[in-house]
Structure formats: structure tokens, C-alpha cells
Amino acid sequence: AGAPECFLLVRLGSFFFFLSAMRPRDGEFCIKVVVEKTPRLRITGLQVRQSRHTVEVHKVKPGLIEEWNKANPAQAVFVGDQLIEVNGVSGPTTREMLYQFQADERLVLLFVRKDVYSEFITI
């Protein structure tokens, strides 16, 4: 059986965000973010490092993802997360993925991060 999925629809002003979070493999965490461009806010604000087959978040600047992070701190997109899919497109090269940012008003972004979360406890 596959990993369980959680779904959440979040509203921030006139923005609606859909979140699906799941654990596809041990040691990894996926976050699916759906954002709509508006006349007021049209850019994601993601600064990325791109290679032929990977896109890694380098910085989150003002834009749709920063708004998402403010509204959803527990499911925020972080520096180091890898963008693995945009609007259902995952390759074979990053060029096809990144084209989707310009082509569509609605962006469905899938990020993967290594599970680095832990809790500090006193024992």
C-alpha cells in the first residue's frame, strides 16, 4: 500500500492554496502546493539553482511562495527543497518544467525534501 495523503485547502485573502503532503519514501517528505497567479501577484518569488535534471530552491523572495509560507508555516517551502514537478511535468529535463511557470496561470508545484525534522527533548 502507498503512503497516506493529507489534503488541505487554505485561503489567504483572495488566494486559495491546496496542499497535499505525503511520505513517498523513507527519509523524504513531499509537499504539493497549488497557487493561482493574480493581477496583483504574478511571480512565485523562487530563486533556484538549476542543473540539467534538478531544480533546487536557493532563495524564497517576495511572491506567491512567500505568501504560501506565511499562511502555512508548517508546510513551508524551504531553501534546499528540490522542485520535481510543475503542472504534471517532471522532465526529462528541467527546461520543460520551468517553461510551465510562464505558460500557466495555475501552478501545481511538487517539492521533495530530505526529512531533517527532529524534536529536542530533555531526558
N, C-alpha and C. Protein backbone atom coordinates (compact mmCIF):
# COMPACT_ATOMS: atom_id res chain seq x y z
N ALA A 1 0.84 -1.19 0.00
CA ALA A 1 0.00 0.00 0.00
C ALA A 1 0.87 1.24 0.00
N GLY A 2 0.37 2.32 -0.56
CA GLY A 2 1.11 3.57 -0.62
C GLY A 2 1.04 4.34 0.67
N ALA A 3 1.80 5.40 0.72
CA ALA A 3 1.81 6.26 1.90
C ALA A 3 0.50 7.03 1.97
N PRO A 4 0.01 7.31 3.17
CA PRO A 4 -1.23 8.07 3.29
C PRO A 4 -1.03 9.51 2.84
N GLU A 5 -2.09 10.12 2.30
CA GLU A 5 -2.04 11.50 1.87
C GLU A 5 -2.97 12.34 2.73
N CYS A 6 -2.59 13.59 2.95
CA CYS A 6 -3.41 14.55 3.67
C CYS A 6 -3.72 15.69 2.72
N PHE A 7 -4.95 16.15 2.71
CA PHE A 7 -5.34 17.24 1.83
C PHE A 7 -5.82 18.42 2.67
N LEU A 8 -5.49 19.61 2.22
CA LEU A 8 -5.84 20.82 2.94
C LEU A 8 -6.06 21.95 1.93
N LEU A 9 -7.18 22.65 2.03
CA LEU A 9 -7.42 23.83 1.22
C LEU A 9 -7.34 25.04 2.13
N VAL A 10 -6.47 25.97 1.79
CA VAL A 10 -6.21 27.14 2.63
C VAL A 10 -6.54 28.39 1.84
N ARG A 11 -7.21 29.34 2.48
CA ARG A 11 -7.49 30.62 1.84
C ARG A 11 -6.68 31.70 2.52
N LEU A 12 -6.03 32.55 1.71
CA LEU A 12 -5.29 33.70 2.20
C LEU A 12 -5.73 34.88 1.35
N GLY A 13 -6.60 35.73 1.91
CA GLY A 13 -7.15 36.84 1.12
C GLY A 13 -7.88 36.29 -0.08
N SER A 14 -7.48 36.71 -1.27
CA SER A 14 -8.11 36.22 -2.49
C SER A 14 -7.39 35.01 -3.07
N PHE A 15 -6.38 34.49 -2.35
CA PHE A 15 -5.63 33.33 -2.83
C PHE A 15 -6.18 32.06 -2.20
N PHE A 16 -6.25 31.01 -2.99
CA PHE A 16 -6.60 29.70 -2.48
C PHE A 16 -5.42 28.78 -2.71
N PHE A 17 -5.02 28.06 -1.69
CA PHE A 17 -3.89 27.15 -1.78
C PHE A 17 -4.38 25.75 -1.44
N PHE A 18 -3.99 24.77 -2.25
CA PHE A 18 -4.32 23.38 -2.00
C PHE A 18 -3.03 22.67 -1.63
N LEU A 19 -3.05 21.95 -0.55
CA LEU A 19 -1.85 21.26 -0.09
C LEU A 19 -2.12 19.77 0.01
N SER A 20 -1.21 19.00 -0.52
CA SER A 20 -1.23 17.55 -0.33
C SER A 20 0.15 17.17 0.16
N ALA A 21 0.24 16.60 1.33
CA ALA A 21 1.54 16.22 1.88
C ALA A 21 1.56 14.72 2.11
N MET A 22 2.66 14.07 1.76
CA MET A 22 2.75 12.63 1.96
C MET A 22 4.21 12.24 2.14
N ARG A 23 4.45 11.03 2.58
CA ARG A 23 5.80 10.48 2.70
C ARG A 23 5.93 9.37 1.66
N PRO A 24 6.55 9.68 0.51
CA PRO A 24 6.64 8.65 -0.52
C PRO A 24 7.71 7.61 -0.25
N ARG A 25 8.80 7.98 0.42
CA ARG A 25 9.90 7.05 0.72
C ARG A 25 10.47 7.41 2.08
N ASP A 26 11.13 6.47 2.68
CA ASP A 26 11.79 6.76 3.95
C ASP A 26 12.79 7.87 3.77
N GLY A 27 12.79 8.82 4.68
CA GLY A 27 13.76 9.89 4.65
C GLY A 27 13.43 11.04 3.72
N GLU A 28 12.26 10.99 3.05
CA GLU A 28 11.87 12.10 2.18
C GLU A 28 10.48 12.58 2.54
N PHE A 29 10.22 13.84 2.25
CA PHE A 29 8.94 14.47 2.51
C PHE A 29 8.56 15.26 1.27
N CYS A 30 7.35 15.06 0.78
CA CYS A 30 6.88 15.79 -0.40
C CYS A 30 5.83 16.81 0.00
N ILE A 31 5.88 17.95 -0.64
CA ILE A 31 4.87 18.99 -0.45
C ILE A 31 4.35 19.39 -1.82
N LYS A 32 3.03 19.36 -1.96
CA LYS A 32 2.39 19.78 -3.20
C LYS A 32 1.67 21.10 -2.93
N VAL A 33 2.04 22.13 -3.67
CA VAL A 33 1.47 23.46 -3.49
C VAL A 33 0.77 23.86 -4.77
N VAL A 34 -0.46 24.35 -4.67
CA VAL A 34 -1.19 24.85 -5.83
C VAL A 34 -1.48 26.32 -5.60
N VAL A 35 -0.99 27.18 -6.50
CA VAL A 35 -1.21 28.62 -6.38
C VAL A 35 -1.74 29.16 -7.70
N GLU A 36 -2.50 30.24 -7.62
CA GLU A 36 -3.05 30.92 -8.79
C GLU A 36 -2.42 32.30 -8.90
N LYS A 37 -1.94 32.63 -10.08
CA LYS A 37 -1.44 33.98 -10.32
C LYS A 37 -2.63 34.93 -10.35
N THR A 38 -2.43 36.14 -9.85
CA THR A 38 -3.47 37.17 -9.87
C THR A 38 -2.86 38.43 -10.49
N PRO A 39 -3.70 39.40 -10.85
CA PRO A 39 -3.13 40.65 -11.37
C PRO A 39 -2.16 41.31 -10.39
N ARG A 40 -2.41 41.17 -9.09
CA ARG A 40 -1.54 41.77 -8.08
C ARG A 40 -0.26 40.97 -7.85
N LEU A 41 -0.35 39.69 -7.97
CA LEU A 41 0.79 38.83 -7.65
C LEU A 41 0.94 37.78 -8.74
N ARG A 42 1.99 37.92 -9.56
CA ARG A 42 2.15 37.05 -10.72
C ARG A 42 3.42 36.21 -10.68
N ILE A 43 4.29 36.46 -9.73
CA ILE A 43 5.54 35.70 -9.69
C ILE A 43 5.58 34.79 -8.46
N THR A 44 6.32 33.71 -8.58
CA THR A 44 6.44 32.80 -7.43
C THR A 44 7.43 33.32 -6.41
N GLY A 45 8.44 34.05 -6.85
CA GLY A 45 9.47 34.53 -5.94
C GLY A 45 10.54 33.50 -5.65
N LEU A 46 10.52 32.38 -6.35
CA LEU A 46 11.54 31.36 -6.13
C LEU A 46 12.80 31.68 -6.92
N GLN A 47 13.93 31.69 -6.24
CA GLN A 47 15.22 31.74 -6.92
C GLN A 47 15.78 30.33 -6.80
N VAL A 48 16.12 29.74 -7.94
CA VAL A 48 16.51 28.33 -7.94
C VAL A 48 17.89 28.13 -8.55
N ARG A 49 18.51 27.02 -8.16
CA ARG A 49 19.73 26.53 -8.81
C ARG A 49 19.29 25.42 -9.75
N GLN A 50 19.65 25.57 -10.99
CA GLN A 50 19.19 24.62 -12.00
C GLN A 50 20.37 23.86 -12.59
N SER A 51 20.21 22.55 -12.67
CA SER A 51 21.12 21.73 -13.46
C SER A 51 20.27 21.06 -14.52
N ARG A 52 20.84 20.19 -15.27
CA ARG A 52 20.07 19.56 -16.36
C ARG A 52 18.86 18.79 -15.83
N HIS A 53 19.01 18.15 -14.67
CA HIS A 53 17.94 17.28 -14.19
C HIS A 53 17.39 17.65 -12.82
N THR A 54 17.89 18.70 -12.19
CA THR A 54 17.38 19.10 -10.88
C THR A 54 17.18 20.61 -10.80
N VAL A 55 16.20 20.99 -9.98
CA VAL A 55 15.95 22.39 -9.67
C VAL A 55 15.85 22.48 -8.15
N GLU A 56 16.79 23.19 -7.53
CA GLU A 56 16.83 23.31 -6.07
C GLU A 56 16.53 24.74 -5.66
N VAL A 57 15.68 24.90 -4.64
CA VAL A 57 15.34 26.23 -4.14
C VAL A 57 16.58 26.84 -3.49
N HIS A 58 16.99 27.99 -3.98
CA HIS A 58 18.15 28.72 -3.45
C HIS A 58 17.71 29.84 -2.52
N LYS A 59 16.58 30.48 -2.84
CA LYS A 59 16.07 31.58 -2.03
C LYS A 59 14.58 31.74 -2.30
N VAL A 60 13.82 32.15 -1.28
CA VAL A 60 12.41 32.48 -1.45
C VAL A 60 12.27 33.98 -1.29
N LYS A 61 11.95 34.66 -2.38
CA LYS A 61 11.79 36.12 -2.40
C LYS A 61 10.30 36.45 -2.37
N PRO A 62 9.95 37.75 -2.28
CA PRO A 62 8.53 38.11 -2.29
C PRO A 62 7.81 37.54 -3.52
N GLY A 63 6.64 36.96 -3.28
CA GLY A 63 5.85 36.36 -4.35
C GLY A 63 4.88 35.34 -3.79
N LEU A 64 4.35 34.51 -4.68
CA LEU A 64 3.34 33.54 -4.30
C LEU A 64 3.83 32.54 -3.24
N ILE A 65 5.05 32.07 -3.37
CA ILE A 65 5.55 31.08 -2.41
C ILE A 65 5.81 31.71 -1.05
N GLU A 66 6.28 32.94 -1.01
CA GLU A 66 6.44 33.63 0.28
C GLU A 66 5.08 33.78 0.95
N GLU A 67 4.04 34.13 0.17
CA GLU A 67 2.68 34.23 0.73
C GLU A 67 2.22 32.87 1.25
N TRP A 68 2.50 31.83 0.49
CA TRP A 68 2.17 30.47 0.93
C TRP A 68 2.85 30.16 2.26
N ASN A 69 4.15 30.46 2.34
CA ASN A 69 4.91 30.16 3.55
C ASN A 69 4.37 30.90 4.76
N LYS A 70 3.96 32.16 4.58
CA LYS A 70 3.39 32.93 5.70
C LYS A 70 2.08 32.32 6.17
N ALA A 71 1.26 31.88 5.23
CA ALA A 71 -0.05 31.32 5.57
C ALA A 71 0.04 29.89 6.08
N ASN A 72 1.11 29.18 5.72
CA ASN A 72 1.22 27.76 6.03
C ASN A 72 2.62 27.42 6.53
N PRO A 73 3.03 27.96 7.68
CA PRO A 73 4.41 27.75 8.13
C PRO A 73 4.77 26.28 8.36
N ALA A 74 3.82 25.46 8.70
CA ALA A 74 4.11 24.04 8.93
C ALA A 74 4.36 23.29 7.62
N GLN A 75 3.94 23.87 6.49
CA GLN A 75 4.15 23.24 5.19
C GLN A 75 4.92 24.16 4.26
N ALA A 76 5.80 24.98 4.82
CA ALA A 76 6.53 25.98 4.03
C ALA A 76 7.53 25.33 3.08
N VAL A 77 7.80 26.04 1.99
CA VAL A 77 8.85 25.66 1.04
C VAL A 77 10.14 26.29 1.54
N PHE A 78 11.20 25.48 1.64
CA PHE A 78 12.47 25.93 2.21
C PHE A 78 13.60 25.91 1.20
N VAL A 79 14.63 26.69 1.50
CA VAL A 79 15.88 26.61 0.75
C VAL A 79 16.38 25.17 0.84
N GLY A 80 16.81 24.63 -0.28
CA GLY A 80 17.29 23.25 -0.33
C GLY A 80 16.25 22.27 -0.83
N ASP A 81 14.97 22.64 -0.79
CA ASP A 81 13.94 21.76 -1.35
C ASP A 81 14.17 21.60 -2.84
N GLN A 82 13.87 20.42 -3.36
CA GLN A 82 14.00 20.19 -4.80
C GLN A 82 12.64 20.22 -5.44
N LEU A 83 12.52 21.03 -6.50
CA LEU A 83 11.30 21.08 -7.29
C LEU A 83 11.37 19.92 -8.27
N ILE A 84 10.40 19.00 -8.18
CA ILE A 84 10.46 17.81 -9.03
C ILE A 84 9.34 17.76 -10.06
N GLU A 85 8.34 18.66 -9.93
CA GLU A 85 7.24 18.63 -10.89
C GLU A 85 6.53 19.97 -10.91
N VAL A 86 6.17 20.44 -12.11
CA VAL A 86 5.38 21.66 -12.28
C VAL A 86 4.24 21.32 -13.24
N ASN A 87 3.01 21.45 -12.76
CA ASN A 87 1.82 21.18 -13.57
C ASN A 87 1.87 19.81 -14.25
N GLY A 88 2.33 18.82 -13.51
CA GLY A 88 2.39 17.47 -14.03
C GLY A 88 3.61 17.16 -14.90
N VAL A 89 4.45 18.17 -15.15
CA VAL A 89 5.63 17.99 -15.98
C VAL A 89 6.85 17.78 -15.09
N SER A 90 7.57 16.69 -15.33
CA SER A 90 8.74 16.41 -14.50
C SER A 90 10.00 16.16 -15.31
N GLY A 91 9.99 16.45 -16.55
CA GLY A 91 11.21 16.27 -17.33
C GLY A 91 10.91 15.75 -18.71
N PRO A 92 11.86 15.20 -19.38
CA PRO A 92 13.10 14.62 -18.89
C PRO A 92 14.17 15.63 -18.48
N THR A 93 14.04 16.89 -18.86
CA THR A 93 14.99 17.90 -18.41
C THR A 93 14.25 18.99 -17.66
N THR A 94 14.97 19.83 -16.94
CA THR A 94 14.34 20.89 -16.17
C THR A 94 13.73 21.96 -17.06
N ARG A 95 14.17 22.06 -18.29
CA ARG A 95 13.64 23.08 -19.21
C ARG A 95 12.12 22.95 -19.36
N GLU A 96 11.62 21.73 -19.52
CA GLU A 96 10.19 21.51 -19.68
C GLU A 96 9.43 21.94 -18.43
N MET A 97 9.99 21.63 -17.26
CA MET A 97 9.35 22.03 -16.00
C MET A 97 9.28 23.55 -15.89
N LEU A 98 10.40 24.21 -16.09
CA LEU A 98 10.47 25.65 -15.88
C LEU A 98 9.63 26.43 -16.88
N TYR A 99 9.39 25.88 -18.06
CA TYR A 99 8.52 26.53 -19.04
C TYR A 99 7.11 26.71 -18.48
N GLN A 100 6.67 25.78 -17.66
CA GLN A 100 5.31 25.83 -17.10
C GLN A 100 5.07 27.08 -16.25
N PHE A 101 6.13 27.64 -15.65
CA PHE A 101 5.97 28.86 -14.85
C PHE A 101 5.46 30.01 -15.70
N GLN A 102 5.88 30.08 -16.95
CA GLN A 102 5.46 31.15 -17.85
C GLN A 102 4.15 30.80 -18.55
N ALA A 103 3.92 29.52 -18.80
CA ALA A 103 2.82 29.09 -19.66
C ALA A 103 1.46 29.12 -18.97
N ASP A 104 1.41 28.93 -17.67
CA ASP A 104 0.13 28.73 -16.99
C ASP A 104 -0.11 29.74 -15.88
N GLU A 105 -1.38 30.04 -15.65
CA GLU A 105 -1.79 30.92 -14.55
C GLU A 105 -1.88 30.14 -13.24
N ARG A 106 -2.21 28.87 -13.35
CA ARG A 106 -2.33 28.00 -12.18
C ARG A 106 -1.08 27.13 -12.12
N LEU A 107 -0.43 27.12 -10.98
CA LEU A 107 0.80 26.35 -10.82
C LEU A 107 0.62 25.27 -9.76
N VAL A 108 0.88 24.05 -10.15
CA VAL A 108 0.88 22.91 -9.24
C VAL A 108 2.33 22.49 -9.09
N LEU A 109 2.90 22.75 -7.93
CA LEU A 109 4.33 22.54 -7.69
C LEU A 109 4.53 21.40 -6.71
N LEU A 110 5.41 20.48 -7.04
CA LEU A 110 5.73 19.37 -6.15
C LEU A 110 7.20 19.46 -5.76
N PHE A 111 7.43 19.57 -4.46
CA PHE A 111 8.78 19.68 -3.91
C PHE A 111 9.10 18.43 -3.10
N VAL A 112 10.38 18.08 -3.05
CA VAL A 112 10.87 16.99 -2.20
C VAL A 112 11.94 17.55 -1.30
N ARG A 113 11.91 17.12 -0.04
CA ARG A 113 13.00 17.48 0.87
C ARG A 113 13.34 16.26 1.70
N LYS A 114 14.59 16.18 2.05
CA LYS A 114 15.02 15.13 2.98
C LYS A 114 14.40 15.45 4.33
N ASP A 115 13.96 14.44 5.02
CA ASP A 115 13.32 14.63 6.32
C ASP A 115 14.40 14.92 7.35
N VAL A 116 14.53 16.21 7.69
CA VAL A 116 15.55 16.62 8.64
C VAL A 116 14.94 17.08 9.96
N TYR A 117 13.64 16.85 10.11
CA TYR A 117 12.96 17.32 11.31
C TYR A 117 13.25 16.39 12.49
N SER A 118 13.44 16.99 13.63
CA SER A 118 13.57 16.22 14.86
C SER A 118 13.14 17.13 16.00
N GLU A 119 12.84 16.54 17.11
CA GLU A 119 12.44 17.31 18.28
C GLU A 119 13.53 17.23 19.33
N PHE A 120 13.71 18.33 20.04
CA PHE A 120 14.63 18.33 21.17
C PHE A 120 13.82 18.00 22.42
N ILE A 121 14.30 17.02 23.16
CA ILE A 121 13.63 16.66 24.40
C ILE A 121 14.67 16.58 25.50
N THR A 122 14.22 16.77 26.72
CA THR A 122 15.10 16.63 27.88
C THR A 122 14.89 15.24 28.45
N ILE A 123 16.01 14.53 28.64
CA ILE A 123 15.88 13.17 29.19
C ILE A 123 16.72 13.04 30.45
